[in-house]
PDB file of all heavy atoms in Angstrom:
ATOM      1  N   SER A   1    -144.960  13.225  17.655  1.00  0.00           N
ATOM      2  CA  SER A   1    -145.487  11.985  18.185  1.00  0.00           C
ATOM      3  C   SER A   1    -146.501  11.311  17.320  1.00  0.00           C
ATOM      4  O   SER A   1    -146.829  11.988  16.282  1.00  0.00           O
ATOM      5  CB  SER A   1    -146.314  12.396  19.427  1.00  0.00           C
ATOM      6  OG  SER A   1    -147.352  13.328  19.095  1.00  0.00           O
ATOM      7  N   ALA A   2    -146.764  10.177  17.508  1.00  0.00           N
ATOM      8  CA  ALA A   2    -147.701   9.370  16.593  1.00  0.00           C
ATOM      9  C   ALA A   2    -149.106   9.611  16.836  1.00  0.00           C
ATOM     10  O   ALA A   2    -149.552  10.156  18.059  1.00  0.00           O
ATOM     11  CB  ALA A   2    -147.434   7.809  16.838  1.00  0.00           C
ATOM     12  N   GLU A   3    -149.927   9.650  15.817  1.00  0.00           N
ATOM     13  CA  GLU A   3    -151.443   9.734  16.044  1.00  0.00           C
ATOM     14  C   GLU A   3    -152.003   8.577  16.534  1.00  0.00           C
ATOM     15  O   GLU A   3    -152.851   8.575  17.477  1.00  0.00           O
ATOM     16  CB  GLU A   3    -152.020  10.176  14.725  1.00  0.00           C
ATOM     17  CG  GLU A   3    -151.593  11.513  14.212  1.00  0.00           C
ATOM     18  CD  GLU A   3    -152.136  11.718  12.746  1.00  0.00           C
ATOM     19  OE1 GLU A   3    -152.828  10.752  12.185  1.00  0.00           O
ATOM     20  OE2 GLU A   3    -151.862  12.819  12.110  1.00  0.00           O
ATOM     21  N   ARG A   4    -151.461   7.323  16.268  1.00  0.00           N
ATOM     22  CA  ARG A   4    -151.966   6.033  16.612  1.00  0.00           C
ATOM     23  C   ARG A   4    -150.867   5.028  16.714  1.00  0.00           C
ATOM     24  O   ARG A   4    -150.061   5.007  15.666  1.00  0.00           O
ATOM     25  CB  ARG A   4    -153.085   5.716  15.668  1.00  0.00           C
ATOM     26  CG  ARG A   4    -153.779   4.390  16.086  1.00  0.00           C
ATOM     27  CD  ARG A   4    -154.996   4.119  15.146  1.00  0.00           C
ATOM     28  NE  ARG A   4    -156.218   4.913  15.527  1.00  0.00           N
ATOM     29  CZ  ARG A   4    -156.676   5.799  14.634  1.00  0.00           C
ATOM     30  NH1 ARG A   4    -156.137   6.026  13.394  1.00  0.00           N
ATOM     31  NH2 ARG A   4    -157.707   6.541  14.984  1.00  0.00           N
ATOM     32  N   ILE A   5    -150.855   4.334  17.681  1.00  0.00           N
ATOM     33  CA  ILE A   5    -149.908   3.183  17.869  1.00  0.00           C
ATOM     34  C   ILE A   5    -150.575   1.836  18.123  1.00  0.00           C
ATOM     35  O   ILE A   5    -151.565   1.792  18.837  1.00  0.00           O
ATOM     36  CB  ILE A   5    -148.889   3.439  18.994  1.00  0.00           C
ATOM     37  CG1 ILE A   5    -147.939   4.600  18.694  1.00  0.00           C
ATOM     38  CG2 ILE A   5    -148.042   2.116  19.420  1.00  0.00           C
ATOM     39  CD1 ILE A   5    -147.082   4.938  19.802  1.00  0.00           C
ATOM     40  N   PHE A   6    -150.207   0.878  17.368  1.00  0.00           N
ATOM     41  CA  PHE A   6    -150.745  -0.585  17.502  1.00  0.00           C
ATOM     42  C   PHE A   6    -149.746  -1.298  18.152  1.00  0.00           C
ATOM     43  O   PHE A   6    -148.523  -1.421  17.559  1.00  0.00           O
ATOM     44  CB  PHE A   6    -151.047  -1.117  16.112  1.00  0.00           C
ATOM     45  CG  PHE A   6    -152.175  -0.287  15.352  1.00  0.00           C
ATOM     46  CD1 PHE A   6    -151.841   0.818  14.602  1.00  0.00           C
ATOM     47  CD2 PHE A   6    -153.520  -0.778  15.465  1.00  0.00           C
ATOM     48  CE1 PHE A   6    -152.884   1.500  13.944  1.00  0.00           C
ATOM     49  CE2 PHE A   6    -154.443  -0.039  14.712  1.00  0.00           C
ATOM     50  CZ  PHE A   6    -154.190   1.035  14.000  1.00  0.00           C
ATOM     51  N   THR A   7    -150.091  -1.999  19.187  1.00  0.00           N
ATOM     52  CA  THR A   7    -149.121  -2.852  19.923  1.00  0.00           C
ATOM     53  C   THR A   7    -149.995  -4.046  20.676  1.00  0.00           C
ATOM     54  O   THR A   7    -151.273  -4.013  20.696  1.00  0.00           O
ATOM     55  CB  THR A   7    -148.358  -2.147  20.985  1.00  0.00           C
ATOM     56  OG1 THR A   7    -147.332  -3.036  21.490  1.00  0.00           O
ATOM     57  CG2 THR A   7    -149.269  -1.515  22.066  1.00  0.00           C
ATOM     58  N   GLY A   8    -149.311  -4.997  21.153  1.00  0.00           N
ATOM     59  CA  GLY A   8    -149.941  -6.026  21.949  1.00  0.00           C
ATOM     60  C   GLY A   8    -150.371  -7.286  21.100  1.00  0.00           C
ATOM     61  O   GLY A   8    -151.058  -8.178  21.506  1.00  0.00           O
ATOM     62  N   GLY A   9    -149.911  -7.324  19.816  1.00  0.00           N
ATOM     63  CA  GLY A   9    -149.997  -8.560  19.047  1.00  0.00           C
ATOM     64  C   GLY A   9    -149.048  -8.526  17.916  1.00  0.00           C
ATOM     65  O   GLY A   9    -148.418  -7.504  17.629  1.00  0.00           O
ATOM     66  N   PRO A  10    -149.011  -9.694  17.170  1.00  0.00           N
ATOM     67  CA  PRO A  10    -147.987  -9.695  16.053  1.00  0.00           C
ATOM     68  C   PRO A  10    -148.250  -8.605  14.995  1.00  0.00           C
ATOM     69  O   PRO A  10    -149.499  -8.647  14.498  1.00  0.00           O
ATOM     70  CB  PRO A  10    -148.022 -11.169  15.602  1.00  0.00           C
ATOM     71  CG  PRO A  10    -149.503 -11.537  15.947  1.00  0.00           C
ATOM     72  CD  PRO A  10    -149.783 -10.827  17.393  1.00  0.00           C
ATOM     73  N   VAL A  11    -147.377  -8.109  14.380  1.00  0.00           N
ATOM     74  CA  VAL A  11    -147.440  -7.226  13.293  1.00  0.00           C
ATOM     75  C   VAL A  11    -146.838  -8.073  12.064  1.00  0.00           C
ATOM     76  O   VAL A  11    -145.599  -8.115  12.032  1.00  0.00           O
ATOM     77  CB  VAL A  11    -146.789  -5.939  13.502  1.00  0.00           C
ATOM     78  CG1 VAL A  11    -146.860  -5.022  12.204  1.00  0.00           C
ATOM     79  CG2 VAL A  11    -147.440  -5.146  14.731  1.00  0.00           C
ATOM     80  N   LEU A  12    -147.565  -8.394  11.142  1.00  0.00           N
ATOM     81  CA  LEU A  12    -147.083  -9.220   9.929  1.00  0.00           C
ATOM     82  C   LEU A  12    -146.974  -8.223   8.756  1.00  0.00           C
ATOM     83  O   LEU A  12    -147.983  -7.795   8.225  1.00  0.00           O
ATOM     84  CB  LEU A  12    -148.043 -10.337   9.671  1.00  0.00           C
ATOM     85  CG  LEU A  12    -148.399 -11.328  10.852  1.00  0.00           C
ATOM     86  CD1 LEU A  12    -149.350 -12.411  10.361  1.00  0.00           C
ATOM     87  CD2 LEU A  12    -147.210 -11.721  11.638  1.00  0.00           C
ATOM     88  N   THR A  13    -145.626  -7.932   8.419  1.00  0.00           N
ATOM     89  CA  THR A  13    -145.428  -6.748   7.575  1.00  0.00           C
ATOM     90  C   THR A  13    -145.487  -7.224   6.094  1.00  0.00           C
ATOM     91  O   THR A  13    -145.615  -6.191   5.257  1.00  0.00           O
ATOM     92  CB  THR A  13    -144.047  -6.153   7.929  1.00  0.00           C
ATOM     93  OG1 THR A  13    -143.068  -7.206   7.511  1.00  0.00           O
ATOM     94  CG2 THR A  13    -143.829  -5.867   9.385  1.00  0.00           C
ATOM     95  N   MET A  14    -145.358  -8.417   5.745  1.00  0.00           N
ATOM     96  CA  MET A  14    -145.098  -8.875   4.361  1.00  0.00           C
ATOM     97  C   MET A  14    -143.804  -8.276   3.777  1.00  0.00           C
ATOM     98  O   MET A  14    -143.587  -8.192   2.470  1.00  0.00           O
ATOM     99  CB  MET A  14    -146.319  -8.417   3.552  1.00  0.00           C
ATOM    100  CG  MET A  14    -147.612  -8.988   3.955  1.00  0.00           C
ATOM    101  SD  MET A  14    -147.668 -10.828   4.061  1.00  0.00           S
ATOM    102  CE  MET A  14    -148.671 -11.005   5.629  1.00  0.00           C
ATOM    103  N   ASP A  15    -143.018  -7.759   4.657  1.00  0.00           N
ATOM    104  CA  ASP A  15    -141.772  -7.150   4.190  1.00  0.00           C
ATOM    105  C   ASP A  15    -140.547  -8.126   4.423  1.00  0.00           C
ATOM    106  O   ASP A  15    -140.298  -8.638   5.613  1.00  0.00           O
ATOM    107  CB  ASP A  15    -141.323  -5.848   4.965  1.00  0.00           C
ATOM    108  CG  ASP A  15    -140.177  -5.210   4.672  1.00  0.00           C
ATOM    109  OD1 ASP A  15    -139.399  -5.770   3.745  1.00  0.00           O
ATOM    110  OD2 ASP A  15    -139.876  -4.009   5.109  1.00  0.00           O
ATOM    111  N   ASP A  16    -139.918  -8.729   3.340  1.00  0.00           N
ATOM    112  CA  ASP A  16    -138.988  -9.759   3.644  1.00  0.00           C
ATOM    113  C   ASP A  16    -137.880  -9.195   4.468  1.00  0.00           C
ATOM    114  O   ASP A  16    -137.184 -10.183   5.233  1.00  0.00           O
ATOM    115  CB  ASP A  16    -138.409 -10.213   2.194  1.00  0.00           C
ATOM    116  CG  ASP A  16    -139.404 -11.067   1.471  1.00  0.00           C
ATOM    117  OD1 ASP A  16    -140.371 -11.537   2.023  1.00  0.00           O
ATOM    118  OD2 ASP A  16    -139.331 -11.098   0.288  1.00  0.00           O
ATOM    119  N   ALA A  17    -137.574  -8.094   4.540  1.00  0.00           N
ATOM    120  CA  ALA A  17    -136.531  -7.494   5.275  1.00  0.00           C
ATOM    121  C   ALA A  17    -136.698  -7.506   6.785  1.00  0.00           C
ATOM    122  O   ALA A  17    -135.868  -7.655   7.588  1.00  0.00           O
ATOM    123  CB  ALA A  17    -136.099  -6.124   4.860  1.00  0.00           C
ATOM    124  N   ALA A  18    -137.992  -7.457   7.190  1.00  0.00           N
ATOM    125  CA  ALA A  18    -138.392  -7.562   8.575  1.00  0.00           C
ATOM    126  C   ALA A  18    -139.772  -8.035   8.603  1.00  0.00           C
ATOM    127  O   ALA A  18    -140.729  -7.271   8.630  1.00  0.00           O
ATOM    128  CB  ALA A  18    -138.280  -6.183   9.226  1.00  0.00           C
ATOM    129  N   PRO A  19    -139.940  -9.434   8.588  1.00  0.00           N
ATOM    130  CA  PRO A  19    -141.280  -9.942   8.371  1.00  0.00           C
ATOM    131  C   PRO A  19    -142.288  -9.927   9.453  1.00  0.00           C
ATOM    132  O   PRO A  19    -143.563  -9.890   9.378  1.00  0.00           O
ATOM    133  CB  PRO A  19    -141.113 -11.376   8.098  1.00  0.00           C
ATOM    134  CG  PRO A  19    -139.696 -11.622   8.448  1.00  0.00           C
ATOM    135  CD  PRO A  19    -138.920 -10.301   8.422  1.00  0.00           C
ATOM    136  N   GLU A  20    -141.731  -9.601  10.765  1.00  0.00           N
ATOM    137  CA  GLU A  20    -142.565  -9.542  11.852  1.00  0.00           C
ATOM    138  C   GLU A  20    -142.106  -8.460  12.841  1.00  0.00           C
ATOM    139  O   GLU A  20    -140.882  -8.260  12.940  1.00  0.00           O
ATOM    140  CB  GLU A  20    -142.687 -10.850  12.621  1.00  0.00           C
ATOM    141  CG  GLU A  20    -143.715 -10.820  13.829  1.00  0.00           C
ATOM    142  CD  GLU A  20    -143.995 -12.191  14.402  1.00  0.00           C
ATOM    143  OE1 GLU A  20    -143.482 -13.161  13.781  1.00  0.00           O
ATOM    144  OE2 GLU A  20    -144.652 -12.334  15.324  1.00  0.00           O
ATOM    145  N   ALA A  21    -143.030  -7.779  13.464  1.00  0.00           N
ATOM    146  CA  ALA A  21    -142.738  -6.657  14.456  1.00  0.00           C
ATOM    147  C   ALA A  21    -143.531  -6.735  15.615  1.00  0.00           C
ATOM    148  O   ALA A  21    -144.618  -7.562  15.569  1.00  0.00           O
ATOM    149  CB  ALA A  21    -142.745  -5.257  13.689  1.00  0.00           C
ATOM    150  N   GLU A  22    -143.346  -5.896  16.592  1.00  0.00           N
ATOM    151  CA  GLU A  22    -144.118  -5.936  17.929  1.00  0.00           C
ATOM    152  C   GLU A  22    -145.160  -4.754  17.844  1.00  0.00           C
ATOM    153  O   GLU A  22    -146.114  -4.739  18.622  1.00  0.00           O
ATOM    154  CB  GLU A  22    -143.253  -5.808  19.107  1.00  0.00           C
ATOM    155  CG  GLU A  22    -142.403  -7.082  19.147  1.00  0.00           C
ATOM    156  CD  GLU A  22    -141.442  -6.919  20.353  1.00  0.00           C
ATOM    157  OE1 GLU A  22    -141.292  -5.837  20.984  1.00  0.00           O
ATOM    158  OE2 GLU A  22    -140.897  -7.848  20.803  1.00  0.00           O
ATOM    159  N   ALA A  23    -144.922  -3.737  17.036  1.00  0.00           N
ATOM    160  CA  ALA A  23    -145.706  -2.565  17.257  1.00  0.00           C
ATOM    161  C   ALA A  23    -145.485  -1.682  15.911  1.00  0.00           C
ATOM    162  O   ALA A  23    -144.597  -1.795  15.100  1.00  0.00           O
ATOM    163  CB  ALA A  23    -145.342  -1.641  18.463  1.00  0.00           C
ATOM    164  N   LEU A  24    -146.426  -0.866  15.729  1.00  0.00           N
ATOM    165  CA  LEU A  24    -146.566   0.091  14.537  1.00  0.00           C
ATOM    166  C   LEU A  24    -147.110   1.340  14.884  1.00  0.00           C
ATOM    167  O   LEU A  24    -148.011   1.464  15.586  1.00  0.00           O
ATOM    168  CB  LEU A  24    -147.292  -0.618  13.368  1.00  0.00           C
ATOM    169  CG  LEU A  24    -147.431   0.086  12.115  1.00  0.00           C
ATOM    170  CD1 LEU A  24    -147.402  -0.823  10.843  1.00  0.00           C
ATOM    171  CD2 LEU A  24    -148.812   0.876  11.998  1.00  0.00           C
ATOM    172  N   ALA A  25    -146.550   2.495  14.299  1.00  0.00           N
ATOM    173  CA  ALA A  25    -146.938   3.881  14.608  1.00  0.00           C
ATOM    174  C   ALA A  25    -147.392   4.559  13.305  1.00  0.00           C
ATOM    175  O   ALA A  25    -146.752   4.346  12.380  1.00  0.00           O
ATOM    176  CB  ALA A  25    -145.948   4.626  15.316  1.00  0.00           C
ATOM    177  N   VAL A  26    -148.460   5.434  13.443  1.00  0.00           N
ATOM    178  CA  VAL A  26    -148.999   6.188  12.262  1.00  0.00           C
ATOM    179  C   VAL A  26    -149.083   7.656  12.610  1.00  0.00           C
ATOM    180  O   VAL A  26    -149.470   8.024  13.673  1.00  0.00           O
ATOM    181  CB  VAL A  26    -150.355   5.553  11.956  1.00  0.00           C
ATOM    182  CG1 VAL A  26    -151.087   6.345  10.870  1.00  0.00           C
ATOM    183  CG2 VAL A  26    -150.465   4.063  11.614  1.00  0.00           C
ATOM    184  N   ARG A  27    -148.738   8.494  11.559  1.00  0.00           N
ATOM    185  CA  ARG A  27    -149.025   9.788  11.559  1.00  0.00           C
ATOM    186  C   ARG A  27    -149.223  10.333  10.130  1.00  0.00           C
ATOM    187  O   ARG A  27    -148.558   9.904   9.223  1.00  0.00           O
ATOM    188  CB  ARG A  27    -147.801  10.575  12.249  1.00  0.00           C
ATOM    189  CG  ARG A  27    -147.964  12.158  12.471  1.00  0.00           C
ATOM    190  CD  ARG A  27    -146.864  12.870  13.136  1.00  0.00           C
ATOM    191  NE  ARG A  27    -145.668  12.720  12.299  1.00  0.00           N
ATOM    192  CZ  ARG A  27    -144.582  12.242  12.767  1.00  0.00           C
ATOM    193  NH1 ARG A  27    -144.619  11.630  14.027  1.00  0.00           N
ATOM    194  NH2 ARG A  27    -143.529  12.228  12.063  1.00  0.00           N
ATOM    195  N   GLY A  28    -150.254  11.141  10.086  1.00  0.00           N
ATOM    196  CA  GLY A  28    -150.515  11.790   8.731  1.00  0.00           C
ATOM    197  C   GLY A  28    -150.805  10.783   7.617  1.00  0.00           C
ATOM    198  O   GLY A  28    -150.531  11.025   6.390  1.00  0.00           O
ATOM    199  N   GLY A  29    -151.341   9.630   7.983  1.00  0.00           N
ATOM    200  CA  GLY A  29    -151.642   8.678   6.906  1.00  0.00           C
ATOM    201  C   GLY A  29    -150.672   7.746   6.657  1.00  0.00           C
ATOM    202  O   GLY A  29    -150.845   6.821   5.842  1.00  0.00           O
ATOM    203  N   GLU A  30    -149.348   7.940   7.094  1.00  0.00           N
ATOM    204  CA  GLU A  30    -148.266   7.063   6.716  1.00  0.00           C
ATOM    205  C   GLU A  30    -147.777   6.321   8.023  1.00  0.00           C
ATOM    206  O   GLU A  30    -148.065   6.614   9.305  1.00  0.00           O
ATOM    207  CB  GLU A  30    -147.148   7.866   6.301  1.00  0.00           C
ATOM    208  CG  GLU A  30    -147.261   8.597   4.920  1.00  0.00           C
ATOM    209  CD  GLU A  30    -146.038   9.321   4.477  1.00  0.00           C
ATOM    210  OE1 GLU A  30    -145.031   9.228   5.159  1.00  0.00           O
ATOM    211  OE2 GLU A  30    -146.029   9.805   3.341  1.00  0.00           O
ATOM    212  N   ILE A  31    -147.107   5.352   7.799  1.00  0.00           N
ATOM    213  CA  ILE A  31    -146.341   4.444   8.871  1.00  0.00           C
ATOM    214  C   ILE A  31    -145.171   5.313   9.114  1.00  0.00           C
ATOM    215  O   ILE A  31    -144.219   5.442   8.338  1.00  0.00           O
ATOM    216  CB  ILE A  31    -146.061   3.120   8.371  1.00  0.00           C
ATOM    217  CG1 ILE A  31    -147.306   2.347   8.023  1.00  0.00           C
ATOM    218  CG2 ILE A  31    -145.242   2.347   9.384  1.00  0.00           C
ATOM    219  CD1 ILE A  31    -147.147   0.990   7.332  1.00  0.00           C
ATOM    220  N   ILE A  32    -144.896   5.659  10.430  1.00  0.00           N
ATOM    221  CA  ILE A  32    -143.734   6.371  10.765  1.00  0.00           C
ATOM    222  C   ILE A  32    -142.702   5.489  11.604  1.00  0.00           C
ATOM    223  O   ILE A  32    -141.515   5.811  11.803  1.00  0.00           O
ATOM    224  CB  ILE A  32    -143.950   7.674  11.613  1.00  0.00           C
ATOM    225  CG1 ILE A  32    -144.840   7.258  12.906  1.00  0.00           C
ATOM    226  CG2 ILE A  32    -144.892   8.573  10.674  1.00  0.00           C
ATOM    227  CD1 ILE A  32    -144.948   8.465  13.861  1.00  0.00           C
ATOM    228  N   ALA A  33    -143.141   4.386  12.026  1.00  0.00           N
ATOM    229  CA  ALA A  33    -142.334   3.404  12.689  1.00  0.00           C
ATOM    230  C   ALA A  33    -142.998   2.124  12.752  1.00  0.00           C
ATOM    231  O   ALA A  33    -144.059   1.913  12.952  1.00  0.00           O
ATOM    232  CB  ALA A  33    -142.045   3.933  14.167  1.00  0.00           C
ATOM    233  N   VAL A  34    -142.101   0.966  12.759  1.00  0.00           N
ATOM    234  CA  VAL A  34    -142.499  -0.370  12.773  1.00  0.00           C
ATOM    235  C   VAL A  34    -141.465  -1.051  13.303  1.00  0.00           C
ATOM    236  O   VAL A  34    -140.238  -1.021  12.852  1.00  0.00           O
ATOM    237  CB  VAL A  34    -143.043  -0.930  11.538  1.00  0.00           C
ATOM    238  CG1 VAL A  34    -142.145  -0.814  10.462  1.00  0.00           C
ATOM    239  CG2 VAL A  34    -143.477  -2.337  11.668  1.00  0.00           C
ATOM    240  N   GLY A  35    -141.618  -1.876  14.490  1.00  0.00           N
ATOM    241  CA  GLY A  35    -140.447  -2.616  15.048  1.00  0.00           C
ATOM    242  C   GLY A  35    -140.777  -2.873  16.533  1.00  0.00           C
ATOM    243  O   GLY A  35    -141.827  -3.417  16.827  1.00  0.00           O
ATOM    244  N   ARG A  36    -139.741  -2.828  17.378  1.00  0.00           N
ATOM    245  CA  ARG A  36    -139.907  -3.383  18.721  1.00  0.00           C
ATOM    246  C   ARG A  36    -140.804  -2.389  19.460  1.00  0.00           C
ATOM    247  O   ARG A  36    -140.943  -1.250  19.203  1.00  0.00           O
ATOM    248  CB  ARG A  36    -138.539  -3.226  19.420  1.00  0.00           C
ATOM    249  CG  ARG A  36    -137.478  -4.312  18.886  1.00  0.00           C
ATOM    250  CD  ARG A  36    -136.191  -4.074  19.582  1.00  0.00           C
ATOM    251  NE  ARG A  36    -136.268  -4.212  21.062  1.00  0.00           N
ATOM    252  CZ  ARG A  36    -135.963  -3.176  21.990  1.00  0.00           C
ATOM    253  NH1 ARG A  36    -135.668  -2.107  21.414  1.00  0.00           N
ATOM    254  NH2 ARG A  36    -136.158  -3.461  23.161  1.00  0.00           N
ATOM    255  N   ALA A  37    -141.647  -3.006  20.328  1.00  0.00           N
ATOM    256  CA  ALA A  37    -142.706  -2.160  21.044  1.00  0.00           C
ATOM    257  C   ALA A  37    -142.042  -1.077  21.891  1.00  0.00           C
ATOM    258  O   ALA A  37    -142.680   0.122  21.718  1.00  0.00           O
ATOM    259  CB  ALA A  37    -143.572  -3.199  21.999  1.00  0.00           C
ATOM    260  N   ALA A  38    -141.057  -1.258  22.473  1.00  0.00           N
ATOM    261  CA  ALA A  38    -140.464  -0.225  23.353  1.00  0.00           C
ATOM    262  C   ALA A  38    -139.979   0.954  22.422  1.00  0.00           C
ATOM    263  O   ALA A  38    -140.184   2.066  22.767  1.00  0.00           O
ATOM    264  CB  ALA A  38    -139.262  -0.709  24.049  1.00  0.00           C
ATOM    265  N   ASP A  39    -139.429   0.712  21.302  1.00  0.00           N
ATOM    266  CA  ASP A  39    -138.904   1.764  20.316  1.00  0.00           C
ATOM    267  C   ASP A  39    -140.072   2.576  19.865  1.00  0.00           C
ATOM    268  O   ASP A  39    -140.151   3.728  19.600  1.00  0.00           O
ATOM    269  CB  ASP A  39    -138.100   1.312  19.204  1.00  0.00           C
ATOM    270  CG  ASP A  39    -136.886   0.647  19.769  1.00  0.00           C
ATOM    271  OD1 ASP A  39    -136.367   1.007  20.793  1.00  0.00           O
ATOM    272  OD2 ASP A  39    -136.329  -0.301  19.025  1.00  0.00           O
ATOM    273  N   VAL A  40    -141.214   1.803  19.457  1.00  0.00           N
ATOM    274  CA  VAL A  40    -142.306   2.500  18.820  1.00  0.00           C
ATOM    275  C   VAL A  40    -143.189   3.238  19.930  1.00  0.00           C
ATOM    276  O   VAL A  40    -143.591   4.354  19.658  1.00  0.00           O
ATOM    277  CB  VAL A  40    -143.291   1.476  18.068  1.00  0.00           C
ATOM    278  CG1 VAL A  40    -144.521   2.108  17.674  1.00  0.00           C
ATOM    279  CG2 VAL A  40    -142.535   0.722  16.977  1.00  0.00           C
ATOM    280  N   LEU A  41    -143.355   2.731  21.054  1.00  0.00           N
ATOM    281  CA  LEU A  41    -144.131   3.502  22.107  1.00  0.00           C
ATOM    282  C   LEU A  41    -143.346   4.645  22.612  1.00  0.00           C
ATOM    283  O   LEU A  41    -143.918   5.626  23.175  1.00  0.00           O
ATOM    284  CB  LEU A  41    -144.276   2.377  23.336  1.00  0.00           C
ATOM    285  CG  LEU A  41    -145.397   1.303  23.080  1.00  0.00           C
ATOM    286  CD1 LEU A  41    -145.337   0.334  24.123  1.00  0.00           C
ATOM    287  CD2 LEU A  41    -146.790   2.136  22.907  1.00  0.00           C
ATOM    288  N   ALA A  42    -141.937   4.802  22.259  1.00  0.00           N
ATOM    289  CA  ALA A  42    -141.305   6.005  22.520  1.00  0.00           C
ATOM    290  C   ALA A  42    -141.949   7.212  21.921  1.00  0.00           C
ATOM    291  O   ALA A  42    -141.719   8.392  22.057  1.00  0.00           O
ATOM    292  CB  ALA A  42    -139.820   5.911  22.234  1.00  0.00           C
ATOM    293  N   LEU A  43    -142.691   6.988  20.758  1.00  0.00           N
ATOM    294  CA  LEU A  43    -143.339   8.040  19.918  1.00  0.00           C
ATOM    295  C   LEU A  43    -144.729   8.443  20.458  1.00  0.00           C
ATOM    296  O   LEU A  43    -145.417   9.241  19.851  1.00  0.00           O
ATOM    297  CB  LEU A  43    -143.395   7.556  18.505  1.00  0.00           C
ATOM    298  CG  LEU A  43    -142.128   7.186  17.811  1.00  0.00           C
ATOM    299  CD1 LEU A  43    -142.447   6.605  16.415  1.00  0.00           C
ATOM    300  CD2 LEU A  43    -141.406   8.495  17.529  1.00  0.00           C
TER     301      LEU A  43
END
């Protein structure tokens, strides 16, 4: 599971492959998921 999940606002990634997301999850100092809120909240 994630240590921290951010959701409820735009996630501007600066990644040309996926420039915007709905949520982001963190564990161990790393990003473990970034994408649709439903998928990220599953963590």
